[in-house]
Amino acid sequence: MRKGITPIIATIVLLFITMGLLAMAYAFLSGFLSPRMEKSFEIPAGSSVCSAGTITAYVYNNGQGAIDNADFNIAQVSDNDGVLRDATPETVTIQPGSSDIIIQDFDLCGTGGVVGACTGTHTIKLGAGANVLSATVNCG
């Protein structure tokens, strides 16, 4: 007579160990990824406009939590030379599934008297946490 566990019992034990490891991996990854998705946004196509030398940019909150101006650690607009200048985000709270203005009336003409700064293609760069997006707007 041989001593030990039967192959059926061994298979069941291995299945329980595997399910336990999968549950631990899921718990770890869901806690790891959830904060990154909490503050997610996008710049909808065509939502950034230029009018009379000022730029206005909208963002859409596609995350799970509200986004406010303090969440944006990067808010910049380029001048005609491609140099990014800091912009102050509007004081706003954007709820999940909605959009609002994040940069309003950014004055391109107030660049220290730079001739032609009000025209051309400009880049808007916005960042909240690890999410950094860019959009372009044409000022004619």
C-alpha atoms as a PDB file:
ATOM      1  CA  MET A   1       0.000   0.000   0.000  1.00  0.00           C
ATOM      2  CA  ARG A   2       1.394   3.416  -1.004  1.00  0.00           C
ATOM      3  CA  LYS A   3       1.026   6.445   1.188  1.00  0.00           C
ATOM      4  CA  GLY A   4       0.282   9.950  -0.122  1.00  0.00           C
ATOM      5  CA  ILE A   5      -2.532  11.948  -1.621  1.00  0.00           C
ATOM      6  CA  THR A   6      -4.501  10.868  -4.610  1.00  0.00           C
ATOM      7  CA  PRO A   7      -4.170  12.714  -7.922  1.00  0.00           C
ATOM      8  CA  ILE A   8      -7.735  14.046  -7.565  1.00  0.00           C
ATOM      9  CA  ILE A   9      -7.019  15.622  -4.183  1.00  0.00           C
ATOM     10  CA  ALA A  10      -3.749  17.086  -5.520  1.00  0.00           C
ATOM     11  CA  THR A  11      -5.570  18.635  -8.477  1.00  0.00           C
ATOM     12  CA  ILE A  12      -8.200  20.202  -6.203  1.00  0.00           C
ATOM     13  CA  VAL A  13      -5.507  21.664  -3.922  1.00  0.00           C
ATOM     14  CA  LEU A  14      -3.665  23.147  -6.924  1.00  0.00           C
ATOM     15  CA  LEU A  15      -6.918  24.698  -8.204  1.00  0.00           C
ATOM     16  CA  PHE A  16      -7.542  26.352  -4.816  1.00  0.00           C
ATOM     17  CA  ILE A  17      -3.986  27.717  -4.740  1.00  0.00           C
ATOM     18  CA  THR A  18      -4.388  29.073  -8.298  1.00  0.00           C
ATOM     19  CA  MET A  19      -7.727  30.730  -7.490  1.00  0.00           C
ATOM     20  CA  GLY A  20      -6.198  32.304  -4.374  1.00  0.00           C
ATOM     21  CA  LEU A  21      -3.308  33.735  -6.375  1.00  0.00           C
ATOM     22  CA  LEU A  22      -5.684  35.107  -9.014  1.00  0.00           C
ATOM     23  CA  ALA A  23      -7.817  36.774  -6.331  1.00  0.00           C
ATOM     24  CA  MET A  24      -4.725  38.377  -4.782  1.00  0.00           C
ATOM     25  CA  ALA A  25      -3.531  39.621  -8.196  1.00  0.00           C
ATOM     26  CA  TYR A  26      -6.961  41.096  -8.965  1.00  0.00           C
ATOM     27  CA  ALA A  27      -7.096  42.870  -5.586  1.00  0.00           C
ATOM     28  CA  PHE A  28      -3.635  44.324  -6.118  1.00  0.00           C
ATOM     29  CA  LEU A  29      -4.190  45.434  -9.719  1.00  0.00           C
ATOM     30  CA  SER A  30      -7.629  46.944  -9.123  1.00  0.00           C
ATOM     31  CA  GLY A  31      -6.231  49.049  -6.287  1.00  0.00           C
ATOM     32  CA  PHE A  32      -3.243  49.995  -8.418  1.00  0.00           C
ATOM     33  CA  LEU A  33      -5.145  51.018 -11.567  1.00  0.00           C
ATOM     34  CA  SER A  34      -8.223  52.631 -10.019  1.00  0.00           C
ATOM     35  CA  PRO A  35      -6.577  55.915  -8.879  1.00  0.00           C
ATOM     36  CA  ARG A  36      -5.135  56.432 -12.359  1.00  0.00           C
ATOM     37  CA  MET A  37      -8.558  56.174 -13.957  1.00  0.00           C
ATOM     38  CA  GLU A  38     -10.172  58.327 -11.274  1.00  0.00           C
ATOM     39  CA  LYS A  39      -8.868  61.604 -12.769  1.00  0.00           C
ATOM     40  CA  SER A  40      -8.992  60.916 -16.493  1.00  0.00           C
ATOM     41  CA  PHE A  41      -9.865  63.504 -19.134  1.00  0.00           C
ATOM     42  CA  GLU A  42      -9.723  64.163 -22.856  1.00  0.00           C
ATOM     43  CA  ILE A  43      -9.601  67.236 -25.066  1.00  0.00           C
ATOM     44  CA  PRO A  44     -12.444  66.688 -27.556  1.00  0.00           C
ATOM     45  CA  ALA A  45     -11.575  67.291 -31.207  1.00  0.00           C
ATOM     46  CA  GLY A  46     -12.500  70.816 -32.267  1.00  0.00           C
ATOM     47  CA  SER A  47     -13.193  71.954 -28.709  1.00  0.00           C
ATOM     48  CA  SER A  48     -10.250  74.368 -28.562  1.00  0.00           C
ATOM     49  CA  VAL A  49     -11.044  77.653 -30.288  1.00  0.00           C
ATOM     50  CA  CYS A  50      -9.166  80.824 -31.124  1.00  0.00           C
ATOM     51  CA  SER A  51     -11.022  84.095 -31.443  1.00  0.00           C
ATOM     52  CA  ALA A  52      -9.604  87.626 -31.631  1.00  0.00           C
ATOM     53  CA  GLY A  53      -6.188  86.496 -30.396  1.00  0.00           C
ATOM     54  CA  THR A  54      -7.423  84.510 -27.399  1.00  0.00           C
ATOM     55  CA  ILE A  55      -7.595  80.740 -26.942  1.00  0.00           C
ATOM     56  CA  THR A  56     -10.290  78.853 -25.061  1.00  0.00           C
ATOM     57  CA  ALA A  57      -9.917  75.121 -24.375  1.00  0.00           C
ATOM     58  CA  TYR A  58     -12.506  72.613 -23.157  1.00  0.00           C
ATOM     59  CA  VAL A  59     -11.914  69.252 -21.498  1.00  0.00           C
ATOM     60  CA  TYR A  60     -14.213  66.265 -21.085  1.00  0.00           C
ATOM     61  CA  ASN A  61     -14.032  64.262 -17.845  1.00  0.00           C
ATOM     62  CA  ASN A  62     -14.090  60.599 -18.854  1.00  0.00           C
ATOM     63  CA  GLY A  63     -12.860  59.411 -15.460  1.00  0.00           C
ATOM     64  CA  GLN A  64     -14.687  58.128 -12.424  1.00  0.00           C
ATOM     65  CA  GLY A  65     -14.277  61.166 -10.160  1.00  0.00           C
ATOM     66  CA  ALA A  66     -14.610  64.927 -10.383  1.00  0.00           C
ATOM     67  CA  ILE A  67     -11.690  66.957 -11.771  1.00  0.00           C
ATOM     68  CA  ASP A  68     -10.988  70.497 -10.652  1.00  0.00           C
ATOM     69  CA  ASN A  69      -8.405  73.093 -11.632  1.00  0.00           C
ATOM     70  CA  ALA A  70      -6.022  71.992  -8.857  1.00  0.00           C
ATOM     71  CA  ASP A  71      -5.713  68.566 -10.526  1.00  0.00           C
ATOM     72  CA  PHE A  72      -4.053  70.057 -13.612  1.00  0.00           C
ATOM     73  CA  ASN A  73      -0.318  70.141 -12.961  1.00  0.00           C
ATOM     74  CA  ILE A  74       0.380  71.164 -16.577  1.00  0.00           C
ATOM     75  CA  ALA A  75      -1.523  73.872 -18.455  1.00  0.00           C
ATOM     76  CA  GLN A  76       0.434  75.470 -21.283  1.00  0.00           C
ATOM     77  CA  VAL A  77      -0.131  77.168 -24.645  1.00  0.00           C
ATOM     78  CA  SER A  78       2.574  77.630 -27.270  1.00  0.00           C
ATOM     79  CA  ASP A  79       3.394  80.922 -28.927  1.00  0.00           C
ATOM     80  CA  ASN A  80       4.355  81.225 -32.623  1.00  0.00           C
ATOM     81  CA  ASP A  81       7.937  80.198 -31.857  1.00  0.00           C
ATOM     82  CA  GLY A  82       6.688  76.936 -30.326  1.00  0.00           C
ATOM     83  CA  VAL A  83       7.637  78.009 -26.807  1.00  0.00           C
ATOM     84  CA  LEU A  84       5.138  76.722 -24.247  1.00  0.00           C
ATOM     85  CA  ARG A  85       3.891  79.398 -21.858  1.00  0.00           C
ATOM     86  CA  ASP A  86       2.077  78.623 -18.618  1.00  0.00           C
ATOM     87  CA  ALA A  87      -1.668  79.163 -18.567  1.00  0.00           C
ATOM     88  CA  THR A  88      -3.784  79.385 -15.433  1.00  0.00           C
ATOM     89  CA  PRO A  89      -6.596  76.809 -15.393  1.00  0.00           C
ATOM     90  CA  GLU A  90     -10.071  78.171 -14.727  1.00  0.00           C
ATOM     91  CA  THR A  91     -11.541  77.600 -11.268  1.00  0.00           C
ATOM     92  CA  VAL A  92     -13.937  74.821 -12.153  1.00  0.00           C
ATOM     93  CA  THR A  93     -15.066  71.366 -11.029  1.00  0.00           C
ATOM     94  CA  ILE A  94     -15.908  69.004 -13.873  1.00  0.00           C
ATOM     95  CA  GLN A  95     -18.088  66.050 -12.944  1.00  0.00           C
ATOM     96  CA  PRO A  96     -17.667  62.637 -14.636  1.00  0.00           C
ATOM     97  CA  GLY A  97     -19.332  62.548 -18.043  1.00  0.00           C
ATOM     98  CA  SER A  98     -19.392  66.320 -18.525  1.00  0.00           C
ATOM     99  CA  SER A  99     -17.158  68.982 -20.071  1.00  0.00           C
ATOM    100  CA  ASP A 100     -16.236  72.546 -19.221  1.00  0.00           C
ATOM    101  CA  ILE A 101     -13.749  75.295 -20.020  1.00  0.00           C
ATOM    102  CA  ILE A 102     -10.318  74.729 -18.480  1.00  0.00           C
ATOM    103  CA  ILE A 103      -8.418  77.535 -20.238  1.00  0.00           C
ATOM    104  CA  GLN A 104     -10.411  80.640 -21.078  1.00  0.00           C
ATOM    105  CA  ASP A 105      -9.315  83.707 -23.030  1.00  0.00           C
ATOM    106  CA  PHE A 106      -5.590  82.912 -22.989  1.00  0.00           C
ATOM    107  CA  ASP A 107      -4.222  86.106 -24.525  1.00  0.00           C
ATOM    108  CA  LEU A 108      -1.797  85.356 -27.350  1.00  0.00           C
ATOM    109  CA  CYS A 109      -1.391  89.032 -28.184  1.00  0.00           C
ATOM    110  CA  GLY A 110      -0.104  89.870 -24.717  1.00  0.00           C
ATOM    111  CA  THR A 111       3.275  88.243 -25.379  1.00  0.00           C
ATOM    112  CA  GLY A 112       5.371  91.306 -24.707  1.00  0.00           C
ATOM    113  CA  GLY A 113       4.622  92.945 -28.033  1.00  0.00           C
ATOM    114  CA  VAL A 114       5.668  90.003 -30.207  1.00  0.00           C
ATOM    115  CA  VAL A 115       4.439  90.812 -33.708  1.00  0.00           C
ATOM    116  CA  GLY A 116       2.222  88.108 -35.219  1.00  0.00           C
ATOM    117  CA  ALA A 117       1.787  86.178 -31.968  1.00  0.00           C
ATOM    118  CA  CYS A 118      -1.977  86.211 -32.478  1.00  0.00           C
ATOM    119  CA  THR A 119      -1.867  84.091 -35.640  1.00  0.00           C
ATOM    120  CA  GLY A 120      -0.716  80.625 -36.654  1.00  0.00           C
ATOM    121  CA  THR A 121      -1.089  77.168 -35.178  1.00  0.00           C
ATOM    122  CA  HIS A 122      -0.711  76.822 -31.428  1.00  0.00           C
ATOM    123  CA  THR A 123      -0.399  73.795 -29.143  1.00  0.00           C
ATOM    124  CA  ILE A 124      -2.375  73.414 -25.934  1.00  0.00           C
ATOM    125  CA  LYS A 125      -0.842  70.998 -23.425  1.00  0.00           C
ATOM    126  CA  LEU A 126      -2.814  69.827 -20.385  1.00  0.00           C
ATOM    127  CA  GLY A 127      -1.783  67.331 -17.730  1.00  0.00           C
ATOM    128  CA  ALA A 128      -3.428  65.847 -14.657  1.00  0.00           C
ATOM    129  CA  GLY A 129      -1.362  63.223 -12.894  1.00  0.00           C
ATOM    130  CA  ALA A 130       0.042  60.792 -15.445  1.00  0.00           C
ATOM    131  CA  ASN A 131      -2.454  61.868 -18.108  1.00  0.00           C
ATOM    132  CA  VAL A 132      -0.857  64.517 -20.402  1.00  0.00           C
ATOM    133  CA  LEU A 133      -2.649  65.492 -23.623  1.00  0.00           C
ATOM    134  CA  SER A 134      -2.036  67.981 -26.408  1.00  0.00           C
ATOM    135  CA  ALA A 135      -4.313  69.654 -28.922  1.00  0.00           C
ATOM    136  CA  THR A 136      -3.713  72.174 -31.671  1.00  0.00           C
ATOM    137  CA  VAL A 137      -5.713  75.249 -32.537  1.00  0.00           C
ATOM    138  CA  ASN A 138      -5.347  77.497 -35.586  1.00  0.00           C
ATOM    139  CA  CYS A 139      -5.593  81.239 -35.110  1.00  0.00           C
ATOM    140  CA  GLY A 140      -6.174  83.086 -38.361  1.00  0.00           C
END
